[in-house]
Amino acid sequence: MVLTPARLINMLSKESLLELYSSLFKPRGVAVIGATPKEGKIGRIVVENLVKAEFKGKIYPVNPKYSEILGLRAYSSVLEVPDPLDVVIVAVPAPIVPKVIEECGKRGVRIAIVLSAGFSEAGRKDLELELLNRARKYDVRIIGPNCAGVVVPSIGFHASFEELMSPGNIAVIGQSGAYITALAAELERRGLGVSAFISYGNRVDLDEELLLRLLLIHEETKVIIYYVEGLRIGMGRRILNTLKEVTMEKPVVIHKAGVMEAGARAVASHTGSLAGTYRLYEAAFKQAGAFIVNDIDLMLDAAHVLLLPINIDLTTSIPVIVTNSGGHGVVIADHLEMLGIRVPELPSDIRYKLKEHLPPHASLSNPIDMLAEATAETYTKVTKLLLSDKRIGVIIVVVNPPPFINACEICREVVREWDYSGRIKPIVFYLAGFNIEEAIQYLRKTKIPVTSTHRGIACMVKALYYRCSYLKRCRSRKIKS
């Protein structure tokens, strides 16, 4: 059988794209093939997750050995499952999967999420090809195989064996199920949750180009985190064109793995992808407007801060570091300038106004070093002054509290002043030292960007500047055209 090239399969009409979107992001019914009551089995975990997540549609366990699984009626075949049925989750041994997909096609299923491993990543390209042949014959779209599934927390659609996830506004997609699960877990710890979690594994059919187009439609997704190991041959131009379309509307943060020889070699053995030349990837992704980072913590820092609206032109404004520690201020300034962001001295009139609020031995330059005894009142007065000046852009608030200063009180007062100003300017927080747990918990509960690494705070500011600069260039090109 001659396969239709993936580039043609993914060139969907608007109607087909919306139909696919509805099936994946608003499914009315889902069947779990390989469902079982046996503890520790993926087929049981997936059914349990759908139940615990309070999936708003119908759940149909499929296994000919049982009439009931976890209190739900079980079906001997997907052919017997009643309507509505939009998605099938496949958790059976790899050799059986092609036959299962054919039955799904005969049943009229639109999407099959294949969790099963044992395909090209295990040297069975023949089995993967057979799977794809049968899927194409019946127009079944495949996510996977060898993937961790799909989660849309806002509707309780938890088509995965991973832990339950809370709803949020950041989507995570990638080939490695474990890696993007780690991202989702950290987003959970930061109080952010996820809008969508999509692990596409071997990417035999639906790939990131089409998934990004679906996320562009998804209203709950405001920022996209995209973990890349390698691209399929021939999809480079498609993914870049789609990224350009997406980044005009939503920020995309990318980590491209396989930079060095060992990593590239591991990519090939992990998902059967081609790692490619990192510099080419980096240049192309940047041209498409994506923000590039090189580790998991920076991905999270960048994604978090990009949830903030950018209401001013940061490229023509002054970033200011407000600190009670000269050392932290110096190191953060160094990191910013290494990323290409100048930290200039403040204008003389601003320095003159700062004198009214700071002790004589404080530094009025940039960073503004208010010294260890700076109280919540001091931070608030300085922040208010900076928020009111149109020349000031991002405000970086650094708190390393001595024992007699309450870090949480400082954060609360600064945020209160920020709220009063209408949050026109971005504010980010760097906290370090003892007795900061309550303050971090407060900031995370209120979803305000905070980190405890110098690289992280610099990355946050860089992400904001990069996004602002990119949108500015896009607007300029539109005007010229």
Protein backbone atom coordinates (compact mmCIF):
# COMPACT_ATOMS: atom_id res chain seq x y z
CA MET A 1 0.00 0.00 0.00
CA VAL A 2 1.34 3.47 -0.92
CA LEU A 3 1.07 5.88 2.01
CA THR A 4 -0.08 9.45 1.60
CA PRO A 5 2.81 11.77 2.62
CA ALA A 6 2.39 13.20 6.13
CA ARG A 7 2.63 16.76 4.80
CA LEU A 8 -0.54 16.16 2.73
CA ILE A 9 -2.36 14.33 5.52
CA ASN A 10 -1.75 17.32 7.81
CA MET A 11 -2.92 19.91 5.25
CA LEU A 12 -6.45 19.91 6.65
CA SER A 13 -9.30 22.17 5.69
CA LYS A 14 -10.57 24.51 8.37
CA GLU A 15 -13.62 22.28 8.86
CA SER A 16 -11.46 19.13 9.28
CA LEU A 17 -9.16 20.92 11.71
CA LEU A 18 -12.11 22.03 13.83
CA GLU A 19 -13.54 18.51 13.77
CA LEU A 20 -10.21 17.12 14.96
CA TYR A 21 -10.02 19.81 17.63
CA SER A 22 -13.49 18.98 18.89
CA SER A 23 -12.67 15.25 19.09
CA LEU A 24 -9.44 15.78 21.04
CA PHE A 25 -10.25 18.80 23.23
CA LYS A 26 -14.01 18.28 23.70
CA PRO A 27 -14.59 14.51 23.47
CA ARG A 28 -18.06 13.30 24.37
CA GLY A 29 -17.04 9.67 24.83
CA VAL A 30 -13.79 7.73 25.23
CA ALA A 31 -13.08 4.00 25.06
CA VAL A 32 -10.13 2.41 26.86
CA ILE A 33 -9.01 -0.68 24.94
CA GLY A 34 -7.06 -2.94 27.25
CA ALA A 35 -8.95 -1.76 30.31
CA THR A 36 -8.59 -4.12 33.25
CA PRO A 37 -9.41 -4.31 36.96
CA LYS A 38 -5.89 -5.64 37.69
CA GLU A 39 -3.82 -3.39 39.96
CA GLY A 40 -0.72 -1.77 38.46
CA LYS A 41 -1.77 -2.23 34.84
CA ILE A 42 -1.89 0.79 32.53
CA GLY A 43 -5.37 -0.21 31.36
CA ARG A 44 -6.66 0.13 34.92
CA ILE A 45 -4.77 3.33 35.71
CA VAL A 46 -6.21 5.11 32.66
CA VAL A 47 -9.80 4.20 33.57
CA GLU A 48 -9.16 5.23 37.20
CA ASN A 49 -7.71 8.56 36.06
CA LEU A 50 -10.72 9.34 33.87
CA VAL A 51 -13.05 8.56 36.77
CA LYS A 52 -11.01 10.49 39.38
CA ALA A 53 -10.64 13.47 37.03
CA GLU A 54 -14.45 13.51 36.66
CA PHE A 55 -14.36 13.30 32.87
CA LYS A 56 -17.46 15.05 31.59
CA GLY A 57 -18.15 12.52 28.82
CA LYS A 58 -18.84 8.77 28.69
CA ILE A 59 -16.17 6.21 29.66
CA TYR A 60 -16.24 2.83 27.91
CA PRO A 61 -13.80 0.13 29.17
CA VAL A 62 -13.09 -2.47 26.45
CA ASN A 63 -11.90 -5.99 27.34
CA PRO A 64 -13.62 -9.26 26.32
CA LYS A 65 -12.64 -10.90 29.64
CA TYR A 66 -14.85 -8.69 31.81
CA SER A 67 -18.43 -7.50 31.91
CA GLU A 68 -17.65 -4.71 34.37
CA ILE A 69 -14.49 -2.75 35.24
CA LEU A 70 -14.34 -0.35 38.19
CA GLY A 71 -18.10 -0.09 38.29
CA LEU A 72 -18.41 0.67 34.58
CA ARG A 73 -19.94 -1.63 32.00
CA ALA A 74 -17.19 -3.26 29.92
CA TYR A 75 -17.46 -4.11 26.22
CA SER A 76 -15.86 -7.04 24.43
CA SER A 77 -14.91 -4.94 21.39
CA VAL A 78 -14.83 -1.32 20.32
CA LEU A 79 -17.35 -2.32 17.65
CA GLU A 80 -19.92 -2.80 20.43
CA VAL A 81 -19.35 0.56 22.11
CA PRO A 82 -22.38 2.89 21.75
CA ASP A 83 -22.31 6.53 20.74
CA PRO A 84 -20.94 9.04 21.51
CA LEU A 85 -17.37 7.85 20.89
CA ASP A 86 -14.74 10.37 19.76
CA VAL A 87 -11.45 9.01 21.15
CA VAL A 88 -9.99 5.59 21.83
CA ILE A 89 -7.08 5.02 24.23
CA VAL A 90 -5.08 1.92 23.30
CA ALA A 91 -3.20 0.07 26.05
CA VAL A 92 -2.59 -3.42 24.63
CA PRO A 93 0.63 -5.23 23.57
CA ALA A 94 2.20 -3.77 20.42
CA PRO A 95 1.54 -6.77 18.09
CA ILE A 96 -2.22 -6.43 18.68
CA VAL A 97 -2.39 -2.68 18.06
CA PRO A 98 -2.78 -2.73 14.22
CA LYS A 99 -5.81 -5.02 14.48
CA VAL A 100 -7.30 -2.79 17.20
CA ILE A 101 -6.82 0.29 14.99
CA GLU A 102 -8.60 -1.45 12.12
CA GLU A 103 -11.57 -2.15 14.40
CA CYS A 104 -11.51 1.50 15.50
CA GLY A 105 -11.66 2.51 11.83
CA LYS A 106 -14.63 0.25 11.17
CA ARG A 107 -16.34 1.76 14.22
CA GLY A 108 -15.78 5.28 12.85
CA VAL A 109 -13.40 6.46 15.58
CA ARG A 110 -11.65 9.74 14.73
CA ILE A 111 -8.63 9.64 17.08
CA ALA A 112 -6.67 6.81 18.70
CA ILE A 113 -4.15 7.59 21.44
CA VAL A 114 -1.72 4.66 21.41
CA LEU A 115 0.10 4.35 24.74
CA SER A 116 1.61 0.97 23.80
CA ALA A 117 5.40 0.83 23.28
CA GLY A 118 7.38 -1.66 21.20
CA PHE A 119 7.43 -0.02 17.77
CA SER A 120 10.21 1.84 15.90
CA GLU A 121 11.90 2.83 19.18
CA ALA A 122 12.36 -0.92 19.78
CA GLY A 123 13.42 -1.72 16.22
CA ARG A 124 9.91 -2.69 15.01
CA LYS A 125 9.47 -0.20 12.19
CA ASP A 126 7.53 -2.86 10.30
CA LEU A 127 4.89 -2.98 13.03
CA GLU A 128 4.70 0.82 13.09
CA LEU A 129 4.21 0.88 9.33
CA GLU A 130 1.43 -1.70 9.57
CA LEU A 131 -0.24 0.40 12.27
CA LEU A 132 -0.07 3.47 10.05
CA ASN A 133 -1.33 1.58 6.99
CA ARG A 134 -4.47 0.48 8.79
CA ALA A 135 -5.04 3.91 10.31
CA ARG A 136 -4.80 5.63 6.92
CA LYS A 137 -7.12 3.08 5.33
CA TYR A 138 -9.92 4.11 7.70
CA ASP A 139 -8.92 7.74 8.27
CA VAL A 140 -8.10 7.19 11.95
CA ARG A 141 -5.67 9.78 13.31
CA ILE A 142 -3.01 8.42 15.67
CA ILE A 143 -1.24 10.06 18.62
CA GLY A 144 1.76 7.93 19.52
CA PRO A 145 2.58 5.10 19.73
CA ASN A 146 4.98 4.90 22.70
CA CYS A 147 3.50 8.00 24.30
CA ALA A 148 2.20 9.09 27.72
CA GLY A 149 -1.11 10.29 26.31
CA VAL A 150 -3.19 13.44 26.37
CA VAL A 151 -4.65 15.41 29.29
CA VAL A 152 -7.10 18.34 29.17
CA PRO A 153 -7.69 18.99 32.89
CA SER A 154 -10.50 21.54 32.53
CA ILE A 155 -12.85 18.82 31.22
CA GLY A 156 -11.37 15.91 33.18
CA PHE A 157 -10.08 14.26 29.99
CA HIS A 158 -7.15 12.31 31.41
CA ALA A 159 -6.16 9.92 28.61
CA SER A 160 -2.88 9.07 30.31
CA PHE A 161 -1.32 6.87 32.98
CA GLU A 162 0.42 9.89 34.54
CA GLU A 163 -0.74 11.62 37.74
CA LEU A 164 -3.82 13.84 37.70
CA MET A 165 -3.13 17.44 36.68
CA SER A 166 -4.80 20.72 37.65
CA PRO A 167 -6.17 23.13 35.04
CA GLY A 168 -4.09 26.14 34.03
CA ASN A 169 -3.09 28.21 31.01
CA ILE A 170 0.20 26.61 29.95
CA ALA A 171 0.25 23.70 27.48
CA VAL A 172 3.15 21.21 27.42
CA ILE A 173 3.89 19.07 24.37
CA GLY A 174 6.78 16.83 23.42
CA GLN A 175 7.96 13.38 22.43
CA SER A 176 9.29 12.34 25.83
CA GLY A 177 6.42 11.48 28.14
CA ALA A 178 8.61 11.50 31.24
CA TYR A 179 10.19 14.88 30.42
CA ILE A 180 6.94 16.71 29.83
CA THR A 181 5.42 14.97 32.85
CA ALA A 182 8.25 16.51 34.90
CA LEU A 183 7.31 19.89 33.41
CA ALA A 184 3.65 19.36 34.32
CA ALA A 185 4.60 18.29 37.85
CA GLU A 186 6.67 21.42 38.40
CA LEU A 187 3.90 23.62 36.98
CA GLU A 188 1.63 21.94 39.54
CA ARG A 189 4.08 22.75 42.35
CA ARG A 190 4.20 26.35 41.18
CA GLY A 191 0.42 26.56 41.38
CA LEU A 192 0.05 27.02 37.62
CA GLY A 193 -1.37 23.72 36.35
CA VAL A 194 -1.68 22.94 32.64
CA SER A 195 -4.19 23.73 29.92
CA ALA A 196 -3.15 20.67 27.91
CA PHE A 197 -0.58 17.89 28.17
CA ILE A 198 0.27 16.12 24.90
CA SER A 199 2.90 13.40 24.65
CA TYR A 200 3.14 12.24 21.02
CA GLY A 201 5.92 9.66 21.36
CA ASN A 202 6.97 8.14 18.03
CA ARG A 203 4.79 10.62 16.13
CA VAL A 204 3.69 8.08 13.53
CA ASP A 205 0.84 10.33 12.37
CA LEU A 206 -0.25 13.44 14.27
CA ASP A 207 2.89 15.48 14.85
CA GLU A 208 3.74 18.69 16.64
CA GLU A 209 2.98 20.84 13.61
CA LEU A 210 -0.68 19.85 13.66
CA LEU A 211 -0.85 19.75 17.47
CA LEU A 212 0.46 23.32 17.62
CA ARG A 213 -2.30 24.37 15.23
CA LEU A 214 -4.84 22.76 17.56
CA LEU A 215 -3.34 24.54 20.58
CA LEU A 216 -3.60 27.83 18.73
CA ILE A 217 -7.37 27.31 18.67
CA HIS A 218 -7.52 26.22 22.33
CA GLU A 219 -8.69 29.29 24.27
CA GLU A 220 -7.45 28.08 27.65
CA THR A 221 -3.88 27.81 26.34
CA LYS A 222 -2.05 31.13 26.71
CA VAL A 223 1.56 29.86 26.57
CA ILE A 224 3.00 26.70 24.97
CA ILE A 225 6.02 24.74 26.22
CA TYR A 226 7.46 22.56 23.44
CA TYR A 227 10.16 19.95 24.09
CA VAL A 228 11.92 18.88 20.88
CA GLU A 229 14.22 15.91 20.38
CA GLY A 230 14.22 15.89 16.60
CA LEU A 231 12.03 16.61 13.61
CA ARG A 232 10.77 14.11 11.09
CA ILE A 233 12.44 14.33 7.67
CA GLY A 234 10.64 16.83 5.45
CA MET A 235 8.65 18.61 8.17
CA GLY A 236 11.06 21.47 8.88
CA ARG A 237 9.39 24.12 6.74
CA ARG A 238 5.90 23.10 7.90
CA ILE A 239 6.76 23.35 11.58
CA LEU A 240 8.44 26.73 11.12
CA ASN A 241 5.50 28.18 9.16
CA THR A 242 3.11 26.93 11.84
CA LEU A 243 5.30 28.30 14.64
CA LYS A 244 5.26 31.72 12.99
CA GLU A 245 1.47 31.60 12.92
CA VAL A 246 1.24 30.47 16.54
CA THR A 247 3.80 32.88 18.01
CA MET A 248 1.91 35.84 16.57
CA GLU A 249 -0.86 34.93 19.02
CA LYS A 250 0.75 32.89 21.82
CA PRO A 251 4.29 32.67 23.24
CA VAL A 252 6.11 29.38 22.59
CA VAL A 253 9.04 28.28 24.78
CA ILE A 254 11.25 25.58 23.24
CA HIS A 255 13.92 23.27 24.63
CA LYS A 256 15.75 21.49 21.83
CA ALA A 257 17.53 18.41 23.18
CA GLY A 258 20.40 16.56 21.52
CA VAL A 259 22.82 19.49 21.46
CA MET A 260 25.98 17.43 21.95
CA GLU A 261 27.01 14.12 20.39
CA ALA A 262 25.89 11.93 23.29
CA GLY A 263 22.51 13.67 23.50
CA ALA A 264 21.96 13.39 19.75
CA ARG A 265 22.81 9.69 19.91
CA ALA A 266 20.32 9.23 22.76
CA VAL A 267 17.59 10.98 20.76
CA ALA A 268 17.96 8.45 17.96
CA SER A 269 17.61 5.51 20.34
CA HIS A 270 14.79 7.11 22.35
CA THR A 271 12.21 7.94 19.70
CA GLY A 272 13.91 7.14 16.42
CA SER A 273 14.14 10.85 15.49
CA LEU A 274 16.94 12.72 13.77
CA ALA A 275 18.54 15.17 16.18
CA GLY A 276 19.97 17.39 13.45
CA THR A 277 22.38 20.29 13.87
CA TYR A 278 21.48 22.29 16.95
CA ARG A 279 22.54 25.69 15.61
CA LEU A 280 20.27 25.28 12.59
CA TYR A 281 17.34 24.39 14.83
CA GLU A 282 18.08 27.30 17.15
CA ALA A 283 18.28 29.85 14.34
CA ALA A 284 15.13 28.56 12.65
CA PHE A 285 13.07 28.47 15.85
CA LYS A 286 14.17 32.00 16.75
CA GLN A 287 13.23 33.22 13.29
CA ALA A 288 9.79 31.74 13.90
CA GLY A 289 9.44 33.74 17.14
CA ALA A 290 9.95 30.96 19.69
CA PHE A 291 11.95 31.59 22.87
CA ILE A 292 14.79 29.07 23.22
CA VAL A 293 16.12 27.72 26.54
CA ASN A 294 18.40 24.81 27.41
CA ASP A 295 17.01 23.27 30.59
CA ILE A 296 13.78 22.40 32.32
CA ASP A 297 13.89 25.07 35.07
CA LEU A 298 14.40 27.87 32.55
CA MET A 299 11.50 26.55 30.46
CA LEU A 300 9.25 26.89 33.48
CA ASP A 301 10.56 30.34 34.46
CA ALA A 302 10.08 31.65 30.92
CA ALA A 303 6.64 30.11 30.46
CA HIS A 304 5.44 31.51 33.79
CA VAL A 305 6.53 35.07 33.11
CA LEU A 306 5.09 35.00 29.57
CA LEU A 307 1.62 34.66 31.09
CA LEU A 308 2.02 38.34 32.03
CA PRO A 309 0.57 40.82 29.53
CA ILE A 310 3.11 43.14 27.91
CA ASN A 311 1.50 46.58 27.84
CA ILE A 312 4.58 48.78 27.31
CA ASP A 313 7.53 48.80 24.92
CA LEU A 314 10.19 47.10 27.00
CA THR A 315 12.82 47.54 24.27
CA THR A 316 12.92 51.30 24.88
CA SER A 317 12.59 51.25 28.68
CA ILE A 318 14.97 50.70 31.58
CA PRO A 319 14.93 47.43 33.54
CA VAL A 320 15.47 48.13 37.24
CA ILE A 321 16.74 45.83 39.99
CA VAL A 322 15.40 46.68 43.46
CA THR A 323 17.31 44.77 46.12
CA ASN A 324 18.27 44.57 49.79
CA SER A 325 21.45 42.73 48.83
CA GLY A 326 24.18 44.31 46.75
CA GLY A 327 25.65 40.91 45.87
CA HIS A 328 22.46 39.53 44.35
CA GLY A 329 21.93 42.77 42.46
CA VAL A 330 25.39 42.64 40.89
CA VAL A 331 25.09 38.99 39.85
CA ILE A 332 21.62 39.47 38.35
CA ALA A 333 22.84 42.54 36.45
CA ASP A 334 25.73 40.45 35.09
CA HIS A 335 23.36 37.70 33.95
CA LEU A 336 21.07 40.22 32.25
CA GLU A 337 23.90 41.85 30.34
CA MET A 338 25.25 38.45 29.30
CA LEU A 339 21.81 37.87 27.75
CA GLY A 340 22.05 41.17 25.89
CA ILE A 341 19.89 43.28 28.24
CA ARG A 342 21.59 46.51 29.35
CA VAL A 343 21.13 47.62 32.95
CA PRO A 344 21.93 51.35 32.72
CA GLU A 345 22.22 53.86 35.53
CA LEU A 346 18.98 55.56 36.49
CA PRO A 347 18.35 59.14 35.31
CA SER A 348 19.48 61.76 37.82
CA ASP A 349 15.94 62.96 38.59
CA ILE A 350 14.88 59.44 39.61
CA ARG A 351 17.98 59.07 41.80
CA TYR A 352 17.14 62.41 43.43
CA LYS A 353 13.59 61.23 44.26
CA LEU A 354 14.93 57.94 45.64
CA LYS A 355 16.99 59.86 48.23
CA GLU A 356 13.74 60.78 50.00
CA HIS A 357 13.01 57.11 50.76
CA LEU A 358 16.43 55.53 51.28
CA PRO A 359 19.21 55.89 53.88
CA PRO A 360 22.25 58.02 52.92
CA HIS A 361 24.51 55.00 52.37
CA ALA A 362 22.09 53.21 49.98
CA SER A 363 23.08 52.85 46.32
CA LEU A 364 20.86 54.91 44.01
CA SER A 365 22.28 53.51 40.81
CA ASN A 366 20.90 50.41 39.10
CA PRO A 367 20.67 47.98 40.92
CA ILE A 368 19.04 50.06 43.65
CA ASP A 369 20.62 48.63 46.80
CA MET A 370 18.36 49.60 49.71
CA LEU A 371 20.54 47.58 52.15
CA ALA A 372 19.52 44.80 54.52
CA GLU A 373 17.32 46.94 56.75
CA ALA A 374 14.88 47.75 53.92
CA THR A 375 11.32 47.17 55.17
CA ALA A 376 8.09 46.44 53.32
CA GLU A 377 7.37 50.17 53.49
CA THR A 378 10.71 50.97 51.84
CA TYR A 379 10.14 48.46 49.04
CA THR A 380 6.63 49.83 48.47
CA LYS A 381 7.74 53.48 48.22
CA VAL A 382 10.52 52.64 45.77
CA THR A 383 8.24 50.38 43.70
CA LYS A 384 5.54 53.07 43.57
CA LEU A 385 8.08 55.60 42.29
CA LEU A 386 9.32 53.24 39.57
CA LEU A 387 5.82 52.21 38.50
CA SER A 388 4.85 55.86 37.99
CA ASP A 389 7.81 56.70 35.72
CA LYS A 390 7.26 55.97 31.99
CA ARG A 391 10.98 55.42 31.40
CA ILE A 392 11.05 52.35 33.64
CA GLY A 393 10.19 48.90 32.28
CA VAL A 394 10.53 45.56 34.05
CA ILE A 395 10.98 45.81 37.82
CA ILE A 396 13.05 43.00 39.37
CA VAL A 397 12.35 42.72 43.09
CA VAL A 398 15.11 40.94 45.03
CA VAL A 399 14.45 39.85 48.63
CA ASN A 400 17.08 38.09 50.76
CA PRO A 401 15.68 38.83 54.23
CA PRO A 402 17.72 39.14 57.41
CA PRO A 403 16.06 37.60 60.52
CA PHE A 404 14.33 40.86 61.49
CA ILE A 405 12.61 41.40 58.10
CA ASN A 406 9.43 39.61 56.95
CA ALA A 407 9.84 38.57 53.29
CA CYS A 408 6.17 37.72 52.85
CA GLU A 409 5.10 41.16 54.07
CA ILE A 410 7.42 42.76 51.51
CA CYS A 411 5.95 40.68 48.69
CA ARG A 412 2.37 41.37 49.72
CA GLU A 413 2.92 45.13 49.87
CA VAL A 414 4.76 45.26 46.54
CA VAL A 415 2.01 43.22 44.88
CA ARG A 416 -0.65 45.46 46.42
CA GLU A 417 1.08 48.51 44.93
CA TRP A 418 1.43 46.70 41.60
CA ASP A 419 -2.30 45.88 41.61
CA TYR A 420 -3.12 49.49 42.40
CA SER A 421 -1.08 50.59 39.35
CA GLY A 422 -3.07 48.27 37.09
CA ARG A 423 -0.11 45.94 36.50
CA ILE A 424 0.85 47.90 33.40
CA LYS A 425 4.52 47.07 33.92
CA PRO A 426 5.85 43.54 34.55
CA ILE A 427 7.24 42.74 38.01
CA VAL A 428 9.24 39.59 38.74
CA PHE A 429 10.59 38.35 42.08
CA TYR A 430 13.88 36.76 43.13
CA LEU A 431 13.87 35.33 46.66
CA ALA A 432 16.83 33.79 48.48
CA GLY A 433 18.07 33.00 51.98
CA PHE A 434 16.26 31.81 55.10
CA ASN A 435 12.58 32.32 55.97
CA ILE A 436 11.29 32.81 52.43
CA GLU A 437 8.97 29.78 52.18
CA GLU A 438 5.83 31.70 53.15
CA ALA A 439 6.63 34.46 50.65
CA ILE A 440 7.23 31.98 47.81
CA GLN A 441 4.01 30.17 48.66
CA TYR A 442 2.12 33.48 48.59
CA LEU A 443 3.57 34.48 45.21
CA ARG A 444 2.86 31.06 43.72
CA LYS A 445 -0.69 31.06 45.07
CA THR A 446 -1.25 34.40 43.36
CA LYS A 447 0.54 33.11 40.20
CA ILE A 448 3.21 35.82 40.26
CA PRO A 449 6.58 34.91 38.67
CA VAL A 450 9.18 34.05 41.30
CA THR A 451 12.46 32.15 41.23
CA SER A 452 15.44 31.51 43.47
CA THR A 453 18.15 31.33 40.81
CA HIS A 454 20.03 34.19 39.19
CA ARG A 455 19.82 32.49 35.79
CA GLY A 456 16.09 32.05 36.25
CA ILE A 457 15.33 35.70 36.99
CA ALA A 458 17.51 36.81 34.07
CA CYS A 459 15.72 34.32 31.81
CA MET A 460 12.35 35.71 32.87
CA VAL A 461 13.36 39.24 31.93
CA LYS A 462 14.95 38.07 28.67
CA ALA A 463 11.74 36.20 27.74
CA LEU A 464 9.70 39.38 28.23
CA TYR A 465 12.12 41.48 26.18
CA TYR A 466 12.29 38.84 23.46
CA ARG A 467 8.51 38.59 23.22
CA CYS A 468 8.09 42.35 23.14
CA SER A 469 10.77 42.74 20.46
CA TYR A 470 9.31 39.95 18.32
CA LEU A 471 5.77 41.36 18.39
CA LYS A 472 7.15 44.81 17.61
CA ARG A 473 8.96 43.44 14.51
CA CYS A 474 5.81 41.63 13.41
CA ARG A 475 3.75 44.82 13.67
CA SER A 476 6.42 46.72 11.74
CA ARG A 477 6.39 44.16 8.91
CA LYS A 478 2.59 44.36 8.73
CA ILE A 479 2.67 48.14 8.44
CA LYS A 480 5.32 48.01 5.66
CA SER A 481 3.40 45.38 3.72
